[in-house]
Amino acid sequence: MYWNTSLKDGGISTWGWKQNSLVSVDTVNRTYKYNHEYWLMKHLSHFIKPGAKRLETVGQYEDALAFRNPDGTVVLVLYNNSDSEKSISIKVGEKGFLPSFKPYSFNTLVFML
């Protein structure tokens, strides 16, 4: 469930509070754009299956979520909240990885254990 599906650019709710939404609408130019929250929800809803359990993540990297799906796959969703490419050291089970992520990007890794 998400409170604001879409708001006009600027993200002000009808009661005057600054809000975030999945989509921002430019009413002057009659266009829209998908916000970060949209991409996060897209990743979560596509890769994480009903009945999945959230897993604890450890380490200094804070923008990470991990889940174990009922089929045993492990899903790791990471956000690079930086204006430069970032490499992140990841260990899942006994396997280690060092992927690079583009600036301001959501990234989903699926591991078959």
PDB file of N, CA and C in Angstrom:
ATOM      1  N   MET A   1       0.844  -1.176   0.000  1.00  0.00           N
ATOM      2  CA  MET A   1       0.000   0.000   0.000  1.00  0.00           C
ATOM      3  C   MET A   1       0.889   1.239   0.000  1.00  0.00           C
ATOM      4  N   TYR A   2       0.512   2.223  -0.763  1.00  0.00           N
ATOM      5  CA  TYR A   2       1.282   3.462  -0.837  1.00  0.00           C
ATOM      6  C   TYR A   2       0.307   4.633  -0.751  1.00  0.00           C
ATOM      7  N   TRP A   3       0.610   5.587   0.088  1.00  0.00           N
ATOM      8  CA  TRP A   3      -0.314   6.676   0.397  1.00  0.00           C
ATOM      9  C   TRP A   3      -0.610   7.555  -0.811  1.00  0.00           C
ATOM     10  N   ASN A   4       0.423   8.053  -1.486  1.00  0.00           N
ATOM     11  CA  ASN A   4       0.244   8.964  -2.620  1.00  0.00           C
ATOM     12  C   ASN A   4       0.702   8.293  -3.909  1.00  0.00           C
ATOM     13  N   THR A   5      -0.235   7.936  -4.749  1.00  0.00           N
ATOM     14  CA  THR A   5       0.121   7.368  -6.043  1.00  0.00           C
ATOM     15  C   THR A   5       0.687   8.454  -6.945  1.00  0.00           C
ATOM     16  N   SER A   6       0.027   9.602  -7.005  1.00  0.00           N
ATOM     17  CA  SER A   6       0.521  10.703  -7.826  1.00  0.00           C
ATOM     18  C   SER A   6       0.168  12.038  -7.179  1.00  0.00           C
ATOM     19  N   LEU A   7       1.041  13.006  -7.413  1.00  0.00           N
ATOM     20  CA  LEU A   7       0.832  14.379  -6.947  1.00  0.00           C
ATOM     21  C   LEU A   7       1.321  15.337  -8.022  1.00  0.00           C
ATOM     22  N   LYS A   8       0.833  16.559  -7.980  1.00  0.00           N
ATOM     23  CA  LYS A   8       1.376  17.598  -8.857  1.00  0.00           C
ATOM     24  C   LYS A   8       2.834  17.829  -8.499  1.00  0.00           C
ATOM     25  N   ASP A   9       3.622  18.336  -9.464  1.00  0.00           N
ATOM     26  CA  ASP A   9       5.019  18.684  -9.187  1.00  0.00           C
ATOM     27  C   ASP A   9       5.088  19.533  -7.925  1.00  0.00           C
ATOM     28  N   GLY A  10       6.082  19.289  -7.113  1.00  0.00           N
ATOM     29  CA  GLY A  10       6.235  20.016  -5.863  1.00  0.00           C
ATOM     30  C   GLY A  10       5.783  19.195  -4.675  1.00  0.00           C
ATOM     31  N   GLY A  11       4.935  18.205  -4.915  1.00  0.00           N
ATOM     32  CA  GLY A  11       4.556  17.254  -3.892  1.00  0.00           C
ATOM     33  C   GLY A  11       3.841  17.817  -2.684  1.00  0.00           C
ATOM     34  N   ILE A  12       2.930  18.748  -2.875  1.00  0.00           N
ATOM     35  CA  ILE A  12       2.180  19.308  -1.745  1.00  0.00           C
ATOM     36  C   ILE A  12       0.808  18.631  -1.716  1.00  0.00           C
ATOM     37  N   SER A  13       0.473  18.070  -0.572  1.00  0.00           N
ATOM     38  CA  SER A  13      -0.817  17.402  -0.440  1.00  0.00           C
ATOM     39  C   SER A  13      -1.944  18.431  -0.394  1.00  0.00           C
ATOM     40  N   THR A  14      -3.171  17.960  -0.448  1.00  0.00           N
ATOM     41  CA  THR A  14      -4.319  18.874  -0.409  1.00  0.00           C
ATOM     42  C   THR A  14      -4.416  19.604   0.923  1.00  0.00           C
ATOM     43  N   TRP A  15      -3.762  19.099   1.965  1.00  0.00           N
ATOM     44  CA  TRP A  15      -3.773  19.792   3.271  1.00  0.00           C
ATOM     45  C   TRP A  15      -2.487  20.581   3.519  1.00  0.00           C
ATOM     46  N   GLY A  16      -1.626  20.702   2.455  1.00  0.00           N
ATOM     47  CA  GLY A  16      -0.492  21.613   2.520  1.00  0.00           C
ATOM     48  C   GLY A  16       0.832  21.044   2.990  1.00  0.00           C
ATOM     49  N   TRP A  17       0.944  19.755   3.220  1.00  0.00           N
ATOM     50  CA  TRP A  17       2.209  19.154   3.656  1.00  0.00           C
ATOM     51  C   TRP A  17       3.012  18.683   2.456  1.00  0.00           C
ATOM     52  N   LYS A  18       4.351  18.838   2.541  1.00  0.00           N
ATOM     53  CA  LYS A  18       5.229  18.318   1.484  1.00  0.00           C
ATOM     54  C   LYS A  18       5.159  16.794   1.534  1.00  0.00           C
ATOM     55  N   GLN A  19       4.913  16.188   0.374  1.00  0.00           N
ATOM     56  CA  GLN A  19       4.731  14.744   0.270  1.00  0.00           C
ATOM     57  C   GLN A  19       5.598  14.175  -0.845  1.00  0.00           C
ATOM     58  N   ASN A  20       5.785  12.870  -0.809  1.00  0.00           N
ATOM     59  CA  ASN A  20       6.390  12.178  -1.937  1.00  0.00           C
ATOM     60  C   ASN A  20       5.313  11.305  -2.571  1.00  0.00           C
ATOM     61  N   SER A  21       5.541  10.895  -3.796  1.00  0.00           N
ATOM     62  CA  SER A  21       4.565  10.068  -4.495  1.00  0.00           C
ATOM     63  C   SER A  21       5.285   9.189  -5.503  1.00  0.00           C
ATOM     64  N   LEU A  22       4.556   8.213  -6.027  1.00  0.00           N
ATOM     65  CA  LEU A  22       5.122   7.341  -7.048  1.00  0.00           C
ATOM     66  C   LEU A  22       5.331   8.089  -8.365  1.00  0.00           C
ATOM     67  N   VAL A  23       4.402   9.003  -8.670  1.00  0.00           N
ATOM     68  CA  VAL A  23       4.432   9.739  -9.939  1.00  0.00           C
ATOM     69  C   VAL A  23       4.206  11.222  -9.658  1.00  0.00           C
ATOM     70  N   SER A  24       4.971  12.082 -10.338  1.00  0.00           N
ATOM     71  CA  SER A  24       4.754  13.529 -10.268  1.00  0.00           C
ATOM     72  C   SER A  24       4.149  13.988 -11.587  1.00  0.00           C
ATOM     73  N   VAL A  25       3.135  14.837 -11.494  1.00  0.00           N
ATOM     74  CA  VAL A  25       2.409  15.306 -12.675  1.00  0.00           C
ATOM     75  C   VAL A  25       2.681  16.791 -12.885  1.00  0.00           C
ATOM     76  N   ASP A  26       3.111  17.137 -14.104  1.00  0.00           N
ATOM     77  CA  ASP A  26       3.285  18.531 -14.495  1.00  0.00           C
ATOM     78  C   ASP A  26       2.004  18.934 -15.214  1.00  0.00           C
ATOM     79  N   THR A  27       1.134  19.653 -14.508  1.00  0.00           N
ATOM     80  CA  THR A  27      -0.170  19.995 -15.076  1.00  0.00           C
ATOM     81  C   THR A  27      -0.079  21.052 -16.169  1.00  0.00           C
ATOM     82  N   VAL A  28       0.979  21.854 -16.176  1.00  0.00           N
ATOM     83  CA  VAL A  28       1.136  22.876 -17.211  1.00  0.00           C
ATOM     84  C   VAL A  28       1.491  22.232 -18.550  1.00  0.00           C
ATOM     85  N   ASN A  29       2.503  21.354 -18.534  1.00  0.00           N
ATOM     86  CA  ASN A  29       2.957  20.708 -19.770  1.00  0.00           C
ATOM     87  C   ASN A  29       2.243  19.392 -20.063  1.00  0.00           C
ATOM     88  N   ARG A  30       1.371  18.998 -19.155  1.00  0.00           N
ATOM     89  CA  ARG A  30       0.597  17.755 -19.311  1.00  0.00           C
ATOM     90  C   ARG A  30       1.506  16.539 -19.492  1.00  0.00           C
ATOM     91  N   THR A  31       2.528  16.469 -18.612  1.00  0.00           N
ATOM     92  CA  THR A  31       3.454  15.345 -18.621  1.00  0.00           C
ATOM     93  C   THR A  31       3.542  14.769 -17.210  1.00  0.00           C
ATOM     94  N   TYR A  32       4.244  13.668 -17.087  1.00  0.00           N
ATOM     95  CA  TYR A  32       4.454  13.049 -15.775  1.00  0.00           C
ATOM     96  C   TYR A  32       5.844  12.432 -15.743  1.00  0.00           C
ATOM     97  N   LYS A  33       6.311  12.136 -14.534  1.00  0.00           N
ATOM     98  CA  LYS A  33       7.586  11.425 -14.386  1.00  0.00           C
ATOM     99  C   LYS A  33       7.460  10.447 -13.221  1.00  0.00           C
ATOM    100  N   TYR A  34       8.158   9.320 -13.356  1.00  0.00           N
ATOM    101  CA  TYR A  34       8.211   8.334 -12.285  1.00  0.00           C
ATOM    102  C   TYR A  34       9.275   8.750 -11.289  1.00  0.00           C
ATOM    103  N   ASN A  35       8.930   8.755 -10.013  1.00  0.00           N
ATOM    104  CA  ASN A  35       9.858   9.121  -8.941  1.00  0.00           C
ATOM    105  C   ASN A  35      10.599   7.897  -8.420  1.00  0.00           C
ATOM    106  N   HIS A  36      11.585   8.116  -7.547  1.00  0.00           N
ATOM    107  CA  HIS A  36      12.356   7.023  -6.965  1.00  0.00           C
ATOM    108  C   HIS A  36      11.451   5.978  -6.317  1.00  0.00           C
ATOM    109  N   GLU A  37      10.412   6.436  -5.654  1.00  0.00           N
ATOM    110  CA  GLU A  37       9.507   5.511  -4.970  1.00  0.00           C
ATOM    111  C   GLU A  37       8.846   4.553  -5.954  1.00  0.00           C
ATOM    112  N   TYR A  38       8.534   5.026  -7.158  1.00  0.00           N
ATOM    113  CA  TYR A  38       7.940   4.170  -8.183  1.00  0.00           C
ATOM    114  C   TYR A  38       8.886   3.012  -8.509  1.00  0.00           C
ATOM    115  N   TRP A  39      10.157   3.348  -8.748  1.00  0.00           N
ATOM    116  CA  TRP A  39      11.123   2.323  -9.143  1.00  0.00           C
ATOM    117  C   TRP A  39      11.365   1.341  -8.003  1.00  0.00           C
ATOM    118  N   LEU A  40      11.376   1.822  -6.776  1.00  0.00           N
ATOM    119  CA  LEU A  40      11.524   0.922  -5.635  1.00  0.00           C
ATOM    120  C   LEU A  40      10.345  -0.041  -5.570  1.00  0.00           C
ATOM    121  N   MET A  41       9.131   0.478  -5.666  1.00  0.00           N
ATOM    122  CA  MET A  41       7.946  -0.384  -5.610  1.00  0.00           C
ATOM    123  C   MET A  41       7.930  -1.374  -6.782  1.00  0.00           C
ATOM    124  N   LYS A  42       8.398  -0.941  -7.942  1.00  0.00           N
ATOM    125  CA  LYS A  42       8.446  -1.836  -9.101  1.00  0.00           C
ATOM    126  C   LYS A  42       9.391  -2.996  -8.827  1.00  0.00           C
ATOM    127  N   HIS A  43      10.572  -2.703  -8.315  1.00  0.00           N
ATOM    128  CA  HIS A  43      11.539  -3.753  -7.996  1.00  0.00           C
ATOM    129  C   HIS A  43      10.979  -4.700  -6.937  1.00  0.00           C
ATOM    130  N   LEU A  44      10.435  -4.131  -5.870  1.00  0.00           N
ATOM    131  CA  LEU A  44       9.931  -4.968  -4.779  1.00  0.00           C
ATOM    132  C   LEU A  44       8.781  -5.853  -5.250  1.00  0.00           C
ATOM    133  N   SER A  45       7.828  -5.281  -5.963  1.00  0.00           N
ATOM    134  CA  SER A  45       6.648  -6.052  -6.360  1.00  0.00           C
ATOM    135  C   SER A  45       6.955  -7.083  -7.446  1.00  0.00           C
ATOM    136  N   HIS A  46       7.985  -6.862  -8.224  1.00  0.00           N
ATOM    137  CA  HIS A  46       8.312  -7.811  -9.293  1.00  0.00           C
ATOM    138  C   HIS A  46       9.125  -9.001  -8.786  1.00  0.00           C
ATOM    139  N   PHE A  47      10.104  -8.749  -7.932  1.00  0.00           N
ATOM    140  CA  PHE A  47      11.050  -9.793  -7.543  1.00  0.00           C
ATOM    141  C   PHE A  47      10.722 -10.480  -6.218  1.00  0.00           C
ATOM    142  N   ILE A  48      10.004  -9.807  -5.347  1.00  0.00           N
ATOM    143  CA  ILE A  48       9.701 -10.390  -4.037  1.00  0.00           C
ATOM    144  C   ILE A  48       8.309 -10.994  -4.094  1.00  0.00           C
ATOM    145  N   LYS A  49       8.249 -12.290  -3.852  1.00  0.00           N
ATOM    146  CA  LYS A  49       7.012 -13.045  -4.032  1.00  0.00           C
ATOM    147  C   LYS A  49       6.200 -13.119  -2.729  1.00  0.00           C
ATOM    148  N   PRO A  50       4.882 -13.324  -2.846  1.00  0.00           N
ATOM    149  CA  PRO A  50       4.055 -13.486  -1.642  1.00  0.00           C
ATOM    150  C   PRO A  50       4.617 -14.597  -0.751  1.00  0.00           C
ATOM    151  N   GLY A  51       4.686 -14.317   0.537  1.00  0.00           N
ATOM    152  CA  GLY A  51       5.233 -15.278   1.494  1.00  0.00           C
ATOM    153  C   GLY A  51       6.720 -15.116   1.747  1.00  0.00           C
ATOM    154  N   ALA A  52       7.382 -14.170   1.051  1.00  0.00           N
ATOM    155  CA  ALA A  52       8.813 -13.940   1.262  1.00  0.00           C
ATOM    156  C   ALA A  52       9.055 -13.427   2.677  1.00  0.00           C
ATOM    157  N   LYS A  53      10.229 -13.717   3.197  1.00  0.00           N
ATOM    158  CA  LYS A  53      10.634 -13.251   4.530  1.00  0.00           C
ATOM    159  C   LYS A  53      11.789 -12.274   4.378  1.00  0.00           C
ATOM    160  N   ARG A  54      11.697 -11.176   5.112  1.00  0.00           N
ATOM    161  CA  ARG A  54      12.786 -10.193   5.073  1.00  0.00           C
ATOM    162  C   ARG A  54      13.974 -10.733   5.839  1.00  0.00           C
ATOM    163  N   LEU A  55      15.159 -10.537   5.275  1.00  0.00           N
ATOM    164  CA  LEU A  55      16.402 -10.975   5.889  1.00  0.00           C
ATOM    165  C   LEU A  55      17.162  -9.781   6.447  1.00  0.00           C
ATOM    166  N   GLU A  56      17.924 -10.024   7.469  1.00  0.00           N
ATOM    167  CA  GLU A  56      18.765  -8.969   8.039  1.00  0.00           C
ATOM    168  C   GLU A  56      19.959  -8.747   7.115  1.00  0.00           C
ATOM    169  N   THR A  57      20.312  -7.481   6.913  1.00  0.00           N
ATOM    170  CA  THR A  57      21.542  -7.152   6.202  1.00  0.00           C
ATOM    171  C   THR A  57      22.512  -6.574   7.223  1.00  0.00           C
ATOM    172  N   VAL A  58      23.778  -6.862   7.059  1.00  0.00           N
ATOM    173  CA  VAL A  58      24.796  -6.347   7.978  1.00  0.00           C
ATOM    174  C   VAL A  58      25.867  -5.645   7.161  1.00  0.00           C
ATOM    175  N   GLY A  59      26.544  -4.719   7.792  1.00  0.00           N
ATOM    176  CA  GLY A  59      27.599  -3.971   7.125  1.00  0.00           C
ATOM    177  C   GLY A  59      27.306  -2.484   7.169  1.00  0.00           C
ATOM    178  N   GLN A  60      28.163  -1.718   6.538  1.00  0.00           N
ATOM    179  CA  GLN A  60      28.043  -0.263   6.574  1.00  0.00           C
ATOM    180  C   GLN A  60      27.089   0.285   5.521  1.00  0.00           C
ATOM    181  N   TYR A  61      26.753  -0.514   4.514  1.00  0.00           N
ATOM    182  CA  TYR A  61      25.874  -0.029   3.454  1.00  0.00           C
ATOM    183  C   TYR A  61      24.432  -0.074   3.939  1.00  0.00           C
ATOM    184  N   GLU A  62      23.769   1.087   3.993  1.00  0.00           N
ATOM    185  CA  GLU A  62      22.444   1.184   4.606  1.00  0.00           C
ATOM    186  C   GLU A  62      21.284   1.084   3.619  1.00  0.00           C
ATOM    187  N   ASP A  63      21.514   1.315   2.341  1.00  0.00           N
ATOM    188  CA  ASP A  63      20.426   1.336   1.364  1.00  0.00           C
ATOM    189  C   ASP A  63      20.238  -0.035   0.718  1.00  0.00           C
ATOM    190  N   ALA A  64      19.980  -1.046   1.558  1.00  0.00           N
ATOM    191  CA  ALA A  64      19.833  -2.415   1.072  1.00  0.00           C
ATOM    192  C   ALA A  64      18.684  -3.112   1.783  1.00  0.00           C
ATOM    193  N   LEU A  65      17.926  -3.886   1.015  1.00  0.00           N
ATOM    194  CA  LEU A  65      16.882  -4.749   1.553  1.00  0.00           C
ATOM    195  C   LEU A  65      17.124  -6.148   1.010  1.00  0.00           C
ATOM    196  N   ALA A  66      16.907  -7.161   1.844  1.00  0.00           N
ATOM    197  CA  ALA A  66      17.090  -8.539   1.412  1.00  0.00           C
ATOM    198  C   ALA A  66      15.884  -9.377   1.826  1.00  0.00           C
ATOM    199  N   PHE A  67      15.516 -10.320   0.962  1.00  0.00           N
ATOM    200  CA  PHE A  67      14.366 -11.186   1.212  1.00  0.00           C
ATOM    201  C   PHE A  67      14.674 -12.602   0.726  1.00  0.00           C
ATOM    202  N   ARG A  68      14.084 -13.592   1.391  1.00  0.00           N
ATOM    203  CA  ARG A  68      14.120 -14.973   0.903  1.00  0.00           C
ATOM    204  C   ARG A  68      12.718 -15.323   0.427  1.00  0.00           C
ATOM    205  N   ASN A  69      12.611 -15.630  -0.862  1.00  0.00           N
ATOM    206  CA  ASN A  69      11.336 -16.027  -1.447  1.00  0.00           C
ATOM    207  C   ASN A  69      10.997 -17.465  -1.058  1.00  0.00           C
ATOM    208  N   PRO A  70       9.723 -17.839  -1.133  1.00  0.00           N
ATOM    209  CA  PRO A  70       9.338 -19.217  -0.816  1.00  0.00           C
ATOM    210  C   PRO A  70      10.062 -20.280  -1.661  1.00  0.00           C
ATOM    211  N   ASP A  71      10.517 -19.912  -2.877  1.00  0.00           N
ATOM    212  CA  ASP A  71      11.241 -20.876  -3.718  1.00  0.00           C
ATOM    213  C   ASP A  71      12.718 -20.985  -3.343  1.00  0.00           C
ATOM    214  N   GLY A  72      13.146 -20.254  -2.298  1.00  0.00           N
ATOM    215  CA  GLY A  72      14.525 -20.323  -1.822  1.00  0.00           C
ATOM    216  C   GLY A  72      15.441 -19.272  -2.399  1.00  0.00           C
ATOM    217  N   THR A  73      15.015 -18.545  -3.422  1.00  0.00           N
ATOM    218  CA  THR A  73      15.868 -17.491  -3.970  1.00  0.00           C
ATOM    219  C   THR A  73      16.001 -16.354  -2.964  1.00  0.00           C
ATOM    220  N   VAL A  74      17.143 -15.707  -2.989  1.00  0.00           N
ATOM    221  CA  VAL A  74      17.391 -14.536  -2.151  1.00  0.00           C
ATOM    222  C   VAL A  74      17.422 -13.323  -3.060  1.00  0.00           C
ATOM    223  N   VAL A  75      16.635 -12.312  -2.710  1.00  0.00           N
ATOM    224  CA  VAL A  75      16.537 -11.087  -3.497  1.00  0.00           C
ATOM    225  C   VAL A  75      17.173  -9.958  -2.697  1.00  0.00           C
ATOM    226  N   LEU A  76      18.099  -9.249  -3.317  1.00  0.00           N
ATOM    227  CA  LEU A  76      18.764  -8.119  -2.692  1.00  0.00           C
ATOM    228  C   LEU A  76      18.474  -6.880  -3.527  1.00  0.00           C
ATOM    229  N   VAL A  77      17.857  -5.864  -2.918  1.00  0.00           N
ATOM    230  CA  VAL A  77      17.550  -4.605  -3.594  1.00  0.00           C
ATOM    231  C   VAL A  77      18.438  -3.531  -2.978  1.00  0.00           C
ATOM    232  N   LEU A  78      19.220  -2.866  -3.820  1.00  0.00           N
ATOM    233  CA  LEU A  78      20.158  -1.844  -3.361  1.00  0.00           C
ATOM    234  C   LEU A  78      19.907  -0.539  -4.094  1.00  0.00           C
ATOM    235  N   TYR A  79      20.107   0.559  -3.381  1.00  0.00           N
ATOM    236  CA  TYR A  79      19.970   1.883  -3.988  1.00  0.00           C
ATOM    237  C   TYR A  79      21.303   2.609  -3.877  1.00  0.00           C
ATOM    238  N   ASN A  80      21.820   3.083  -4.996  1.00  0.00           N
ATOM    239  CA  ASN A  80      23.018   3.910  -4.991  1.00  0.00           C
ATOM    240  C   ASN A  80      22.566   5.364  -4.927  1.00  0.00           C
ATOM    241  N   ASN A  81      22.622   5.931  -3.758  1.00  0.00           N
ATOM    242  CA  ASN A  81      22.174   7.308  -3.517  1.00  0.00           C
ATOM    243  C   ASN A  81      23.343   8.286  -3.682  1.00  0.00           C
ATOM    244  N   SER A  82      24.141   8.052  -4.690  1.00  0.00           N
ATOM    245  CA  SER A  82      25.346   8.839  -4.916  1.00  0.00           C
ATOM    246  C   SER A  82      25.341   9.369  -6.342  1.00  0.00           C
ATOM    247  N   ASP A  83      26.070  10.458  -6.577  1.00  0.00           N
ATOM    248  CA  ASP A  83      26.148  11.005  -7.928  1.00  0.00           C
ATOM    249  C   ASP A  83      27.268  10.370  -8.749  1.00  0.00           C
ATOM    250  N   SER A  84      27.869   9.289  -8.220  1.00  0.00           N
ATOM    251  CA  SER A  84      28.903   8.578  -8.967  1.00  0.00           C
ATOM    252  C   SER A  84      28.660   7.070  -8.878  1.00  0.00           C
ATOM    253  N   GLU A  85      29.264   6.354  -9.823  1.00  0.00           N
ATOM    254  CA  GLU A  85      29.148   4.898  -9.809  1.00  0.00           C
ATOM    255  C   GLU A  85      29.767   4.368  -8.524  1.00  0.00           C
ATOM    256  N   LYS A  86      29.157   3.312  -7.977  1.00  0.00           N
ATOM    257  CA  LYS A  86      29.624   2.781  -6.698  1.00  0.00           C
ATOM    258  C   LYS A  86      29.719   1.262  -6.789  1.00  0.00           C
ATOM    259  N   SER A  87      30.847   0.711  -6.300  1.00  0.00           N
ATOM    260  CA  SER A  87      31.005  -0.738  -6.184  1.00  0.00           C
ATOM    261  C   SER A  87      30.729  -1.122  -4.734  1.00  0.00           C
ATOM    262  N   ILE A  88      29.985  -2.200  -4.566  1.00  0.00           N
ATOM    263  CA  ILE A  88      29.594  -2.628  -3.227  1.00  0.00           C
ATOM    264  C   ILE A  88      29.970  -4.093  -3.054  1.00  0.00           C
ATOM    265  N   SER A  89      30.672  -4.394  -1.974  1.00  0.00           N
ATOM    266  CA  SER A  89      31.048  -5.768  -1.669  1.00  0.00           C
ATOM    267  C   SER A  89      29.856  -6.475  -1.035  1.00  0.00           C
ATOM    268  N   ILE A  90      29.464  -7.604  -1.634  1.00  0.00           N
ATOM    269  CA  ILE A  90      28.285  -8.341  -1.183  1.00  0.00           C
ATOM    270  C   ILE A  90      28.684  -9.791  -0.933  1.00  0.00           C
ATOM    271  N   LYS A  91      28.188 -10.350   0.172  1.00  0.00           N
ATOM    272  CA  LYS A  91      28.386 -11.769   0.450  1.00  0.00           C
ATOM    273  C   LYS A  91      27.034 -12.382   0.746  1.00  0.00           C
ATOM    274  N   VAL A  92      26.684 -13.412  -0.023  1.00  0.00           N
ATOM    275  CA  VAL A  92      25.444 -14.153   0.172  1.00  0.00           C
ATOM    276  C   VAL A  92      25.838 -15.606   0.329  1.00  0.00           C
ATOM    277  N   GLY A  93      25.564 -16.165   1.485  1.00  0.00           N
ATOM    278  CA  GLY A  93      26.035 -17.518   1.765  1.00  0.00           C
ATOM    279  C   GLY A  93      27.551 -17.520   1.753  1.00  0.00           C
ATOM    280  N   GLU A  94      28.139 -18.384   0.980  1.00  0.00           N
ATOM    281  CA  GLU A  94      29.597 -18.463   0.885  1.00  0.00           C
ATOM    282  C   GLU A  94      30.151 -17.719  -0.328  1.00  0.00           C
ATOM    283  N   LYS A  95      29.277 -17.126  -1.137  1.00  0.00           N
ATOM    284  CA  LYS A  95      29.711 -16.469  -2.367  1.00  0.00           C
ATOM    285  C   LYS A  95      29.846 -14.961  -2.169  1.00  0.00           C
ATOM    286  N   GLY A  96      30.911 -14.393  -2.742  1.00  0.00           N
ATOM    287  CA  GLY A  96      31.139 -12.955  -2.679  1.00  0.00           C
ATOM    288  C   GLY A  96      31.042 -12.328  -4.059  1.00  0.00           C
ATOM    289  N   PHE A  97      30.592 -11.081  -4.086  1.00  0.00           N
ATOM    290  CA  PHE A  97      30.396 -10.347  -5.333  1.00  0.00           C
ATOM    291  C   PHE A  97      30.841  -8.904  -5.131  1.00  0.00           C
ATOM    292  N   LEU A  98      31.253  -8.246  -6.212  1.00  0.00           N
ATOM    293  CA  LEU A  98      31.618  -6.830  -6.159  1.00  0.00           C
ATOM    294  C   LEU A  98      31.019  -6.114  -7.377  1.00  0.00           C
ATOM    295  N   PRO A  99      29.685  -5.994  -7.427  1.00  0.00           N
ATOM    296  CA  PRO A  99      29.063  -5.308  -8.571  1.00  0.00           C
ATOM    297  C   PRO A  99      29.208  -3.795  -8.466  1.00  0.00           C
ATOM    298  N   SER A 100      29.091  -3.124  -9.610  1.00  0.00           N
ATOM    299  CA  SER A 100      29.102  -1.661  -9.674  1.00  0.00           C
ATOM    300  C   SER A 100      27.703  -1.186 -10.045  1.00  0.00           C
ATOM    301  N   PHE A 101      27.268  -0.098  -9.415  1.00  0.00           N
ATOM    302  CA  PHE A 101      25.937   0.430  -9.646  1.00  0.00           C
ATOM    303  C   PHE A 101      26.010   1.868 -10.125  1.00  0.00           C
ATOM    304  N   LYS A 102      25.198   2.180 -11.117  1.00  0.00           N
ATOM    305  CA  LYS A 102      25.153   3.533 -11.669  1.00  0.00           C
ATOM    306  C   LYS A 102      24.648   4.522 -10.620  1.00  0.00           C
ATOM    307  N   PRO A 103      24.964   5.817 -10.800  1.00  0.00           N
ATOM    308  CA  PRO A 103      24.484   6.839  -9.853  1.00  0.00           C
ATOM    309  C   PRO A 103      22.960   6.855  -9.758  1.00  0.00           C
ATOM    310  N   TYR A 104      22.460   7.076  -8.561  1.00  0.00           N
ATOM    311  CA  TYR A 104      21.025   7.216  -8.292  1.00  0.00           C
ATOM    312  C   TYR A 104      20.209   6.094  -8.936  1.00  0.00           C
ATOM    313  N   SER A 105      20.639   4.849  -8.726  1.00  0.00           N
ATOM    314  CA  SER A 105      19.952   3.723  -9.351  1.00  0.00           C
ATOM    315  C   SER A 105      19.513   2.689  -8.318  1.00  0.00           C
ATOM    316  N   PHE A 106      18.355   2.073  -8.585  1.00  0.00           N
ATOM    317  CA  PHE A 106      17.916   0.898  -7.846  1.00  0.00           C
ATOM    318  C   PHE A 106      18.427  -0.320  -8.595  1.00  0.00           C
ATOM    319  N   ASN A 107      18.895  -1.301  -7.854  1.00  0.00           N
ATOM    320  CA  ASN A 107      19.470  -2.491  -8.453  1.00  0.00           C
ATOM    321  C   ASN A 107      18.962  -3.719  -7.703  1.00  0.00           C
ATOM    322  N   THR A 108      18.545  -4.721  -8.451  1.00  0.00           N
ATOM    323  CA  THR A 108      18.028  -5.933  -7.842  1.00  0.00           C
ATOM    324  C   THR A 108      18.884  -7.114  -8.272  1.00  0.00           C
ATOM    325  N   LEU A 109      19.361  -7.861  -7.289  1.00  0.00           N
ATOM    326  CA  LEU A 109      20.131  -9.055  -7.538  1.00  0.00           C
ATOM    327  C   LEU A 109      19.343 -10.236  -6.999  1.00  0.00           C
ATOM    328  N   VAL A 110      19.261 -11.309  -7.785  1.00  0.00           N
ATOM    329  CA  VAL A 110      18.553 -12.518  -7.359  1.00  0.00           C
ATOM    330  C   VAL A 110      19.563 -13.652  -7.310  1.00  0.00           C
ATOM    331  N   PHE A 111      19.639 -14.314  -6.161  1.00  0.00           N
ATOM    332  CA  PHE A 111      20.589 -15.407  -5.949  1.00  0.00           C
ATOM    333  C   PHE A 111      19.843 -16.722  -5.799  1.00  0.00           C
ATOM    334  N   MET A 112      20.281 -17.722  -6.538  1.00  0.00           N
ATOM    335  CA  MET A 112      19.741 -19.066  -6.411  1.00  0.00           C
ATOM    336  C   MET A 112      20.702 -19.830  -5.502  1.00  0.00           C
ATOM    337  N   LEU A 113      20.271 -20.117  -4.302  1.00  0.00           N
ATOM    338  CA  LEU A 113      21.165 -20.807  -3.357  1.00  0.00           C
ATOM    339  C   LEU A 113      20.876 -22.290  -3.297  1.00  0.00           C
TER     340      LEU A 113
END
